[in-house]
Amino acid sequence: MENQEIKNKKNYNKQVVGGAFLVIGSALLAKQMGADLPSWLISWPMLLIVIGLASGIKNNFRNSGWLFMILVGGVFLAERINPDLIVTEYTWPVVLIGLGLWFIFGRHKKCDMHEFKGGFKKKDYQPLTDENEGKANFSHKDNLNTGDDVIDSVAVFGGAKKHVLSKNFKGGEIVTIMGGTEINLTHADIQGVAVLEVVQIFGGTKIIIPHGWEVSTEMAAIFAGIDDKRVFQNQVTDKSKVLVIKGTSVFGGIEIKSF
């Protein structure tokens, strides 16, 4: 049942991505055929906005990667539409202010993440009790052994490294901005489906999993890649243990390994 839902979700994601390509291709074709289209309509900022919208639809607008792409595309698109408008010189101050507001107001609460049915369902909001959860890591020495069923890792201009020991791992959220994150699930176990929401911008994430887990990736990768480096040596995949990796990666990479 759960595997069927994942399959349906993949088909839906393909339709979203396919629709985005159809829109872009149709606009390019119309321009080549002589249609009087504004120059900004066929430009990389507009492409970034379209990809951001497609990523948001794909992930039900749950993470912030799609918003980042739309904001960046919108900034540069505004200057193309109105050359007298100088916006880019304010980009970094606005980005830093936005990150600050997000950490102040957006990371103070966590939610229980229940059985995967097209994504996490949020309920029973409560304040964080673990001082390590929801905390931005500004160094390269964040080594944490955690038995929590749900992880919440944030690394900005630094690194985060966590070893998960839970035998009923449900997933969680990983945010990496100009840094690196390593999540070691070698000693963890899952019962059914676990979902990891990954958002990374100019960063990298390494996920180490046990042998036998099935992995499903539903990432929107923009100038990024997903590298599955697991070694398969006549090993049988346990269909009852599925790790779903979804989210947005911009100028970054995700590496999946097993030992």
Foldseek 3Di string as FASTA:
>chain_A
DVVVLVVVLVVVLVVLVVVLVVVLVVVVVCVVVPHPDDPLCNDVLVNLLSLLVSQCVSLVVPDCQSVVSNVVSVQVSVCSVPVVDDRVVCVVVVVVVVVVVCLVPPQQKDADFDDDRSGTDGDDIDGDDDPQASDEDQEAPAEEEEQDLEGHEHYEVYEHEYEYQHQARAEYEYEEELYEYEYEDQNYHHFAEHEYAYHYENYEYEYEHEPQEAEAEAESEACEEEAEPEDDDPDHHDNRHYYYYYYYYYNYYYYYYYD
